[in-house]
């Protein structure tokens, strides 16, 4: 499969991401941990046919959780906050939140 379609894992639909989408035209995605900003920009522009203005990424480490004497770890996660040019929007993500 093409690397472009493997970069974006899923849209991140939280209360904060919906507020960012409405106020700043900023969409949040869970992306591959090894993806850089250039790959994320290319994937979003190719898949959704929009122009990306700015990208911010953050990597979250998974929490260590215990169940009695056994310890486990949640998976690590990388988020991308993608700000689009004025007038562009992603319809696939908007339909998922309704």
C-alpha atoms as a PDB file:
ATOM      1  CA  UNK A   1       0.000   0.000   0.000  1.00  0.00           C
ATOM      2  CA  UNK A   2       1.074   3.561  -0.625  1.00  0.00           C
ATOM      3  CA  UNK A   3       2.922   5.323   2.233  1.00  0.00           C
ATOM      4  CA  UNK A   4       0.567   8.300   1.844  1.00  0.00           C
ATOM      5  CA  UNK A   5      -2.422   6.306   3.051  1.00  0.00           C
ATOM      6  CA  UNK A   6      -0.488   4.657   5.905  1.00  0.00           C
ATOM      7  CA  UNK A   7       0.609   7.973   7.440  1.00  0.00           C
ATOM      8  CA  UNK A   8      -2.833   9.027   8.718  1.00  0.00           C
ATOM      9  CA  UNK A   9      -4.284   6.458  11.122  1.00  0.00           C
ATOM     10  CA  UNK A  10      -7.593   8.052  12.136  1.00  0.00           C
ATOM     11  CA  UNK A  11      -9.155  11.418  12.955  1.00  0.00           C
ATOM     12  CA  UNK A  12      -9.012  12.400  16.609  1.00  0.00           C
ATOM     13  CA  UNK A  13     -12.485  13.450  17.719  1.00  0.00           C
ATOM     14  CA  UNK A  14     -12.303  14.901  21.212  1.00  0.00           C
ATOM     15  CA  UNK A  15     -13.977  17.928  22.734  1.00  0.00           C
ATOM     16  CA  UNK A  16     -10.813  20.002  22.321  1.00  0.00           C
ATOM     17  CA  UNK A  17     -10.318  18.945  18.694  1.00  0.00           C
ATOM     18  CA  UNK A  18     -13.913  19.855  17.802  1.00  0.00           C
ATOM     19  CA  UNK A  19     -13.464  23.306  19.355  1.00  0.00           C
ATOM     20  CA  UNK A  20     -10.219  23.788  17.373  1.00  0.00           C
ATOM     21  CA  UNK A  21     -11.951  22.679  14.184  1.00  0.00           C
ATOM     22  CA  UNK A  22     -14.744  25.220  14.604  1.00  0.00           C
ATOM     23  CA  UNK A  23     -12.630  28.171  15.754  1.00  0.00           C
ATOM     24  CA  UNK A  24      -9.262  27.798  13.963  1.00  0.00           C
ATOM     25  CA  UNK A  25     -10.014  25.415  11.043  1.00  0.00           C
ATOM     26  CA  UNK A  26      -7.564  22.977  12.686  1.00  0.00           C
ATOM     27  CA  UNK A  27      -8.098  19.220  12.344  1.00  0.00           C
ATOM     28  CA  UNK A  28      -6.511  16.592  14.602  1.00  0.00           C
ATOM     29  CA  UNK A  29      -5.279  13.187  13.431  1.00  0.00           C
ATOM     30  CA  UNK A  30      -3.556  10.215  15.001  1.00  0.00           C
ATOM     31  CA  UNK A  31      -0.581   9.570  12.734  1.00  0.00           C
ATOM     32  CA  UNK A  32       2.176   7.004  12.356  1.00  0.00           C
ATOM     33  CA  UNK A  33       4.868   7.445  15.017  1.00  0.00           C
ATOM     34  CA  UNK A  34       7.682   7.757  12.459  1.00  0.00           C
ATOM     35  CA  UNK A  35       5.880  10.283  10.210  1.00  0.00           C
ATOM     36  CA  UNK A  36       7.355  13.771   9.895  1.00  0.00           C
ATOM     37  CA  UNK A  37       5.572  17.025   9.039  1.00  0.00           C
ATOM     38  CA  UNK A  38       6.360  16.793   5.318  1.00  0.00           C
ATOM     39  CA  UNK A  39       4.801  13.324   5.064  1.00  0.00           C
ATOM     40  CA  UNK A  40       1.738  14.410   7.044  1.00  0.00           C
ATOM     41  CA  UNK A  41       1.273  17.486   4.820  1.00  0.00           C
ATOM     42  CA  UNK A  42       1.544  15.367   1.667  1.00  0.00           C
ATOM     43  CA  UNK A  43      -0.925  12.784   2.995  1.00  0.00           C
ATOM     44  CA  UNK A  44      -3.574  15.336   4.021  1.00  0.00           C
ATOM     45  CA  UNK A  45      -3.304  17.313   0.782  1.00  0.00           C
ATOM     46  CA  UNK A  46      -3.444  14.159  -1.357  1.00  0.00           C
ATOM     47  CA  UNK A  47      -6.260  12.357   0.427  1.00  0.00           C
ATOM     48  CA  UNK A  48      -8.591  15.289   1.180  1.00  0.00           C
ATOM     49  CA  UNK A  49      -7.655  17.662  -1.711  1.00  0.00           C
ATOM     50  CA  UNK A  50      -7.070  20.695   0.568  1.00  0.00           C
ATOM     51  CA  UNK A  51      -4.190  23.103   1.197  1.00  0.00           C
ATOM     52  CA  UNK A  52      -2.361  22.838   4.528  1.00  0.00           C
ATOM     53  CA  UNK A  53      -1.200  26.053   6.171  1.00  0.00           C
ATOM     54  CA  UNK A  54       0.508  24.752   9.335  1.00  0.00           C
ATOM     55  CA  UNK A  55       1.199  21.474  11.146  1.00  0.00           C
ATOM     56  CA  UNK A  56       2.007  20.901  14.816  1.00  0.00           C
ATOM     57  CA  UNK A  57       2.810  17.443  16.156  1.00  0.00           C
ATOM     58  CA  UNK A  58       3.019  15.999  19.633  1.00  0.00           C
ATOM     59  CA  UNK A  59       4.126  12.589  20.832  1.00  0.00           C
ATOM     60  CA  UNK A  60       2.429  11.132  23.887  1.00  0.00           C
ATOM     61  CA  UNK A  61       3.960   8.304  25.861  1.00  0.00           C
ATOM     62  CA  UNK A  62       1.597   5.539  26.935  1.00  0.00           C
ATOM     63  CA  UNK A  63       0.784   5.331  30.610  1.00  0.00           C
ATOM     64  CA  UNK A  64       1.890   2.392  32.730  1.00  0.00           C
ATOM     65  CA  UNK A  65      -1.190   0.740  34.197  1.00  0.00           C
ATOM     66  CA  UNK A  66      -1.366  -1.928  36.877  1.00  0.00           C
ATOM     67  CA  UNK A  67      -3.910  -4.641  37.509  1.00  0.00           C
ATOM     68  CA  UNK A  68      -2.966  -6.146  40.842  1.00  0.00           C
ATOM     69  CA  UNK A  69       0.624  -7.297  40.647  1.00  0.00           C
ATOM     70  CA  UNK A  70       0.724  -7.216  36.830  1.00  0.00           C
ATOM     71  CA  UNK A  71       1.872  -4.105  35.006  1.00  0.00           C
ATOM     72  CA  UNK A  72       1.056  -3.197  31.432  1.00  0.00           C
ATOM     73  CA  UNK A  73       1.573  -0.198  29.219  1.00  0.00           C
ATOM     74  CA  UNK A  74      -0.749   1.654  26.898  1.00  0.00           C
ATOM     75  CA  UNK A  75       0.623   2.246  23.402  1.00  0.00           C
ATOM     76  CA  UNK A  76       2.498   5.442  22.495  1.00  0.00           C
ATOM     77  CA  UNK A  77       0.608   7.915  20.325  1.00  0.00           C
ATOM     78  CA  UNK A  78       1.533  10.710  17.916  1.00  0.00           C
ATOM     79  CA  UNK A  79      -0.978  13.461  17.179  1.00  0.00           C
ATOM     80  CA  UNK A  80      -0.903  15.969  14.339  1.00  0.00           C
ATOM     81  CA  UNK A  81      -2.776  19.273  14.488  1.00  0.00           C
ATOM     82  CA  UNK A  82      -3.311  20.328  10.847  1.00  0.00           C
ATOM     83  CA  UNK A  83      -4.411  23.905  10.155  1.00  0.00           C
ATOM     84  CA  UNK A  84      -5.977  24.369   6.726  1.00  0.00           C
ATOM     85  CA  UNK A  85      -6.078  27.444   4.500  1.00  0.00           C
ATOM     86  CA  UNK A  86      -9.084  29.699   4.961  1.00  0.00           C
ATOM     87  CA  UNK A  87     -12.103  28.332   3.109  1.00  0.00           C
ATOM     88  CA  UNK A  88     -10.927  24.689   3.012  1.00  0.00           C
ATOM     89  CA  UNK A  89     -12.552  21.980   5.093  1.00  0.00           C
ATOM     90  CA  UNK A  90     -12.487  18.218   5.381  1.00  0.00           C
ATOM     91  CA  UNK A  91     -15.967  16.744   4.934  1.00  0.00           C
ATOM     92  CA  UNK A  92     -15.060  13.171   5.975  1.00  0.00           C
ATOM     93  CA  UNK A  93     -14.025  14.277   9.479  1.00  0.00           C
ATOM     94  CA  UNK A  94     -17.009  16.578   9.889  1.00  0.00           C
ATOM     95  CA  UNK A  95     -19.464  13.781   9.082  1.00  0.00           C
ATOM     96  CA  UNK A  96     -17.846  11.481  11.646  1.00  0.00           C
ATOM     97  CA  UNK A  97     -18.607  13.785  14.577  1.00  0.00           C
ATOM     98  CA  UNK A  98     -22.345  14.136  13.876  1.00  0.00           C
END
